[in-house]
Amino acid sequence: MDQGFALFAICCGLFFISILYSSVGHGGASGYLALLSLTAYGEMQSAWLKQHVWVLNLIVAGLAFFHYSSAGHHSRSKSLPFLLASIPFAFIGGYLKVDGRIYDALLSITLLYAALHLLSVKKESELSQIKDPEKTQAYAFGAVIGLFSGIIGVGGGIFLSPLLLLKQWATPKAAAATAALFIWVNSAAGLLGATASNQLVLEISTLLPFIVAVLLGGLIGSRFGSKYAKQSTVRNLLITVLLLASLKRIPEFLF
């Protein structure tokens, strides 16, 4: 396949992934990893893939947080405990040299469970019975998600969003806002951890076309999700994202 056409096809894929993920406040890391694993970039080391995906996360999650926060869906007090606990553990996860295959299998199983469980949540409960998490719970979940995210190479929102909804700690749009900020901070912490362990291998020339693709997609998706989509639409989009992310390794398990 012509290299120019292959790059165009990858950028198109990144564009559509960023639209879908940013619409629910996510950076798109699991989708980018799935796409890149199907291309020649799939032969790159896990450190290379994680770091390039983290950069894309910073862009898309930043846009998502801007739009959801501007629309009044962000609660600083609800986000802070998760963030404070996750940052050092995301740094540690990015610092560690770990083979992510086992963790990726666990990731797929966890996301599939969350998606199926969210399907059973009644829509009426989305806007009622919302409560604040206890700080000890928020710190504990934030630490675990931060570490797991740093090891695998995702921002953590893919775990945090369904957690906030299943625990009835946030509405879908409030969960999207919190997840977007969480993803941005943890992606940055992961990159800092990789830098501290001398594993930073970013290739700017490779990143530039990817950045343009996700920048455009992130603008479209995050604006739609924050301003125009209904709460139920954001919830259903999240379920779709979880299902797609959880199924990305199924072919490897079967063959």
Protein backbone atom coordinates (compact mmCIF):
# COMPACT_ATOMS: atom_id res chain seq x y z
CA MET A 1 0.00 0.00 0.00
CA ASP A 2 1.25 3.48 -0.87
CA GLN A 3 2.62 5.18 2.26
CA GLY A 4 0.77 8.43 1.53
CA PHE A 5 -2.56 6.63 1.22
CA ALA A 6 -1.85 4.57 4.34
CA LEU A 7 -1.14 7.74 6.33
CA PHE A 8 -4.33 9.34 5.02
CA ALA A 9 -6.36 6.27 6.02
CA ILE A 10 -4.86 6.30 9.52
CA CYS A 11 -5.59 10.01 9.93
CA CYS A 12 -9.19 9.46 8.82
CA GLY A 13 -9.51 6.72 11.41
CA LEU A 14 -8.03 8.95 14.12
CA PHE A 15 -10.40 11.74 13.09
CA PHE A 16 -13.53 9.64 13.51
CA ILE A 17 -12.28 8.02 16.73
CA SER A 18 -11.60 11.44 18.23
CA ILE A 19 -15.12 12.60 17.33
CA LEU A 20 -16.72 9.64 19.09
CA TYR A 21 -14.52 9.68 22.18
CA SER A 22 -14.46 13.45 22.67
CA SER A 23 -18.26 13.53 22.56
CA VAL A 24 -18.22 11.74 25.94
CA GLY A 25 -15.22 13.62 27.35
CA HIS A 26 -12.59 11.01 26.51
CA GLY A 27 -9.22 11.47 24.84
CA GLY A 28 -9.52 8.36 22.67
CA ALA A 29 -6.40 6.47 23.76
CA SER A 30 -7.91 2.99 23.64
CA GLY A 31 -9.29 3.70 20.16
CA TYR A 32 -6.00 5.08 18.89
CA LEU A 33 -4.13 2.07 20.27
CA ALA A 34 -6.58 -0.27 18.57
CA LEU A 35 -6.23 1.51 15.23
CA LEU A 36 -2.44 1.80 15.31
CA SER A 37 -2.10 -1.87 16.29
CA LEU A 38 -3.69 -2.77 12.93
CA THR A 39 -1.05 -0.80 10.99
CA ALA A 40 2.72 -0.87 10.62
CA TYR A 41 2.90 1.14 13.83
CA GLY A 42 1.65 -1.94 15.66
CA GLU A 43 5.22 -3.28 15.41
CA MET A 44 6.51 -0.43 17.54
CA GLN A 45 7.33 -0.98 21.20
CA SER A 46 4.62 -0.39 23.78
CA ALA A 47 6.49 2.65 25.14
CA TRP A 48 6.39 4.29 21.69
CA LEU A 49 2.67 3.63 21.29
CA LYS A 50 1.77 4.81 24.79
CA GLN A 51 3.63 8.08 24.50
CA HIS A 52 2.29 9.06 21.11
CA VAL A 53 -1.24 8.21 22.23
CA TRP A 54 -0.78 10.28 25.40
CA VAL A 55 0.05 13.34 23.28
CA LEU A 56 -3.13 12.85 21.26
CA ASN A 57 -4.99 12.43 24.54
CA LEU A 58 -3.73 15.79 25.78
CA ILE A 59 -5.16 17.53 22.74
CA VAL A 60 -8.56 15.83 22.58
CA ALA A 61 -9.19 15.67 26.34
CA GLY A 62 -8.16 19.32 26.62
CA LEU A 63 -10.75 20.29 24.02
CA ALA A 64 -13.39 18.12 25.66
CA PHE A 65 -12.77 19.62 29.07
CA PHE A 66 -12.90 23.15 27.66
CA HIS A 67 -16.27 22.59 26.03
CA TYR A 68 -17.88 20.63 28.88
CA SER A 69 -16.54 23.04 31.50
CA SER A 70 -17.65 26.09 29.51
CA ALA A 71 -21.12 24.56 29.29
CA GLY A 72 -21.25 24.39 33.10
CA HIS A 73 -20.92 20.63 33.58
CA HIS A 74 -17.72 20.51 35.62
CA SER A 75 -17.66 20.18 39.41
CA ARG A 76 -14.22 21.07 40.78
CA SER A 77 -14.91 19.59 44.21
CA LYS A 78 -15.95 16.28 42.67
CA SER A 79 -12.90 16.04 40.42
CA LEU A 80 -10.17 17.08 42.85
CA PRO A 81 -9.94 13.92 45.04
CA PHE A 82 -9.69 11.65 41.99
CA LEU A 83 -7.00 13.87 40.46
CA LEU A 84 -4.87 14.22 43.57
CA ALA A 85 -4.71 10.47 44.07
CA SER A 86 -4.20 9.57 40.41
CA ILE A 87 -1.30 11.88 39.49
CA PRO A 88 1.53 10.15 41.44
CA PHE A 89 0.29 6.70 40.48
CA ALA A 90 -0.02 7.59 36.79
CA PHE A 91 3.57 8.88 37.03
CA ILE A 92 4.65 5.54 38.54
CA GLY A 93 2.75 3.60 35.88
CA GLY A 94 4.46 5.59 33.13
CA TYR A 95 7.82 5.09 34.83
CA LEU A 96 7.51 1.30 35.02
CA LYS A 97 8.72 -0.88 32.18
CA VAL A 98 5.83 -3.34 31.99
CA ASP A 99 4.47 -5.56 29.24
CA GLY A 100 0.92 -4.35 28.83
CA ARG A 101 -0.57 -7.51 27.26
CA ILE A 102 -1.97 -8.97 30.48
CA TYR A 103 -3.22 -5.60 31.62
CA ASP A 104 -4.81 -5.01 28.23
CA ALA A 105 -6.75 -8.26 28.57
CA LEU A 106 -7.99 -7.13 31.98
CA LEU A 107 -8.85 -3.76 30.48
CA SER A 108 -11.05 -5.36 27.81
CA ILE A 109 -12.88 -7.50 30.35
CA THR A 110 -13.42 -4.57 32.71
CA LEU A 111 -14.76 -2.27 30.00
CA LEU A 112 -17.08 -4.93 28.63
CA TYR A 113 -18.51 -5.48 32.12
CA ALA A 114 -19.01 -1.74 32.61
CA ALA A 115 -20.73 -1.34 29.23
CA LEU A 116 -23.12 -4.23 29.87
CA HIS A 117 -23.88 -2.98 33.38
CA LEU A 118 -24.59 0.54 32.11
CA LEU A 119 -27.14 -0.91 29.70
CA SER A 120 -29.17 -2.03 32.71
CA VAL A 121 -29.13 1.39 34.37
CA LYS A 122 -32.54 3.06 34.05
CA LYS A 123 -32.48 6.33 32.16
CA GLU A 124 -34.60 8.02 34.82
CA SER A 125 -31.74 7.66 37.31
CA GLU A 126 -29.37 9.76 35.19
CA LEU A 127 -30.57 13.07 36.55
CA SER A 128 -31.82 11.99 39.99
CA GLN A 129 -30.27 10.60 43.16
CA ILE A 130 -26.87 12.08 42.28
CA LYS A 131 -24.59 12.09 45.31
CA ASP A 132 -21.00 13.06 46.06
CA PRO A 133 -18.47 10.26 46.58
CA GLU A 134 -16.80 9.87 49.94
CA LYS A 135 -13.28 11.25 49.74
CA THR A 136 -11.70 7.97 50.83
CA GLN A 137 -13.46 6.19 47.97
CA ALA A 138 -12.47 8.87 45.47
CA TYR A 139 -8.82 8.72 46.56
CA ALA A 140 -8.76 4.92 46.36
CA PHE A 141 -10.37 4.71 42.94
CA GLY A 142 -8.24 7.59 41.65
CA ALA A 143 -5.02 5.88 42.71
CA VAL A 144 -5.92 2.53 41.16
CA ILE A 145 -7.12 4.07 37.89
CA GLY A 146 -4.05 6.31 37.71
CA LEU A 147 -1.63 3.39 38.10
CA PHE A 148 -3.53 1.19 35.64
CA SER A 149 -3.68 4.03 33.12
CA GLY A 150 0.03 4.74 33.35
CA ILE A 151 0.91 1.10 32.76
CA ILE A 152 -1.42 0.53 29.81
CA GLY A 153 -1.11 3.93 28.15
CA VAL A 154 -4.59 5.39 28.44
CA GLY A 155 -5.78 8.49 30.27
CA GLY A 156 -8.11 6.67 32.65
CA GLY A 157 -11.39 8.30 31.65
CA ILE A 158 -12.49 5.02 30.11
CA PHE A 159 -12.61 3.69 33.70
CA LEU A 160 -13.69 6.84 35.52
CA SER A 161 -16.76 7.73 33.43
CA PRO A 162 -18.63 4.43 33.93
CA LEU A 163 -17.60 4.42 37.60
CA LEU A 164 -19.14 7.87 38.15
CA LEU A 165 -22.36 6.81 36.43
CA LEU A 166 -22.68 3.39 38.02
CA LYS A 167 -22.10 4.86 41.50
CA GLN A 168 -24.51 7.71 40.66
CA TRP A 169 -21.83 10.26 41.50
CA ALA A 170 -22.47 12.33 38.36
CA THR A 171 -24.77 12.87 35.41
CA PRO A 172 -23.41 11.74 32.01
CA LYS A 173 -22.25 15.25 31.08
CA ALA A 174 -20.74 15.94 34.50
CA ALA A 175 -18.93 12.59 34.25
CA ALA A 176 -17.63 13.60 30.82
CA ALA A 177 -16.22 16.86 32.20
CA THR A 178 -14.51 15.15 35.13
CA ALA A 179 -13.16 12.37 32.90
CA ALA A 180 -11.73 14.86 30.39
CA LEU A 181 -9.74 16.67 33.08
CA PHE A 182 -8.69 13.36 34.63
CA ILE A 183 -7.45 12.10 31.26
CA TRP A 184 -5.46 15.27 30.54
CA VAL A 185 -3.72 15.25 33.91
CA ASN A 186 -2.91 11.53 33.84
CA SER A 187 -1.66 11.60 30.26
CA ALA A 188 0.71 14.41 31.25
CA ALA A 189 1.80 12.46 34.34
CA GLY A 190 2.45 9.36 32.21
CA LEU A 191 4.64 11.35 29.82
CA LEU A 192 6.56 12.83 32.75
CA GLY A 193 7.08 9.33 34.15
CA ALA A 194 8.37 8.11 30.79
CA THR A 195 10.73 11.10 30.63
CA ALA A 196 12.01 10.46 34.16
CA SER A 197 12.82 6.83 33.28
CA ASN A 198 14.58 7.85 30.04
CA GLN A 199 11.94 6.11 27.91
CA LEU A 200 10.73 9.17 25.98
CA VAL A 201 10.72 8.29 22.27
CA LEU A 202 8.35 10.84 20.68
CA GLU A 203 8.69 11.43 16.93
CA ILE A 204 7.36 14.88 16.10
CA SER A 205 7.25 14.24 12.34
CA THR A 206 5.01 11.23 12.94
CA LEU A 207 2.81 13.05 15.42
CA LEU A 208 2.04 16.16 13.36
CA PRO A 209 -0.49 14.63 10.90
CA PHE A 210 -2.05 12.65 13.77
CA ILE A 211 -2.42 15.84 15.81
CA VAL A 212 -4.19 17.65 12.97
CA ALA A 213 -6.64 14.74 12.59
CA VAL A 214 -7.58 14.48 16.27
CA LEU A 215 -7.67 18.26 16.70
CA LEU A 216 -10.40 18.56 14.08
CA GLY A 217 -12.27 15.52 15.37
CA GLY A 218 -11.98 16.64 18.97
CA LEU A 219 -13.42 20.05 18.17
CA ILE A 220 -16.45 18.53 16.48
CA GLY A 221 -17.14 15.75 18.99
CA SER A 222 -16.66 17.70 22.20
CA ARG A 223 -18.80 20.61 21.00
CA PHE A 224 -21.60 18.25 20.00
CA GLY A 225 -21.50 16.29 23.26
CA SER A 226 -21.34 19.30 25.56
CA LYS A 227 -23.78 21.66 23.85
CA TYR A 228 -26.23 19.72 21.71
CA ALA A 229 -26.47 16.09 22.81
CA LYS A 230 -28.99 15.02 25.44
CA GLN A 231 -27.79 13.40 28.68
CA SER A 232 -29.15 10.06 27.45
CA THR A 233 -27.30 10.47 24.15
CA VAL A 234 -24.01 11.02 25.95
CA ARG A 235 -24.69 7.91 28.07
CA ASN A 236 -25.43 5.79 24.99
CA LEU A 237 -22.32 7.11 23.24
CA LEU A 238 -20.29 6.13 26.29
CA ILE A 239 -21.67 2.60 26.14
CA THR A 240 -20.67 2.45 22.46
CA VAL A 241 -17.16 3.66 23.29
CA LEU A 242 -16.81 1.08 26.07
CA LEU A 243 -17.96 -1.77 23.82
CA LEU A 244 -15.60 -0.78 21.01
CA ALA A 245 -12.67 -0.40 23.40
CA SER A 246 -13.37 -3.70 25.15
CA LEU A 247 -13.60 -5.68 21.91
CA LYS A 248 -10.39 -4.41 20.37
CA ARG A 249 -8.32 -7.39 21.59
CA ILE A 250 -10.86 -10.15 20.90
CA PRO A 251 -9.19 -11.25 17.61
CA GLU A 252 -5.88 -11.71 19.46
CA PHE A 253 -7.57 -13.85 22.10
CA LEU A 254 -9.15 -16.08 19.48
CA PHE A 255 -6.23 -16.57 17.11
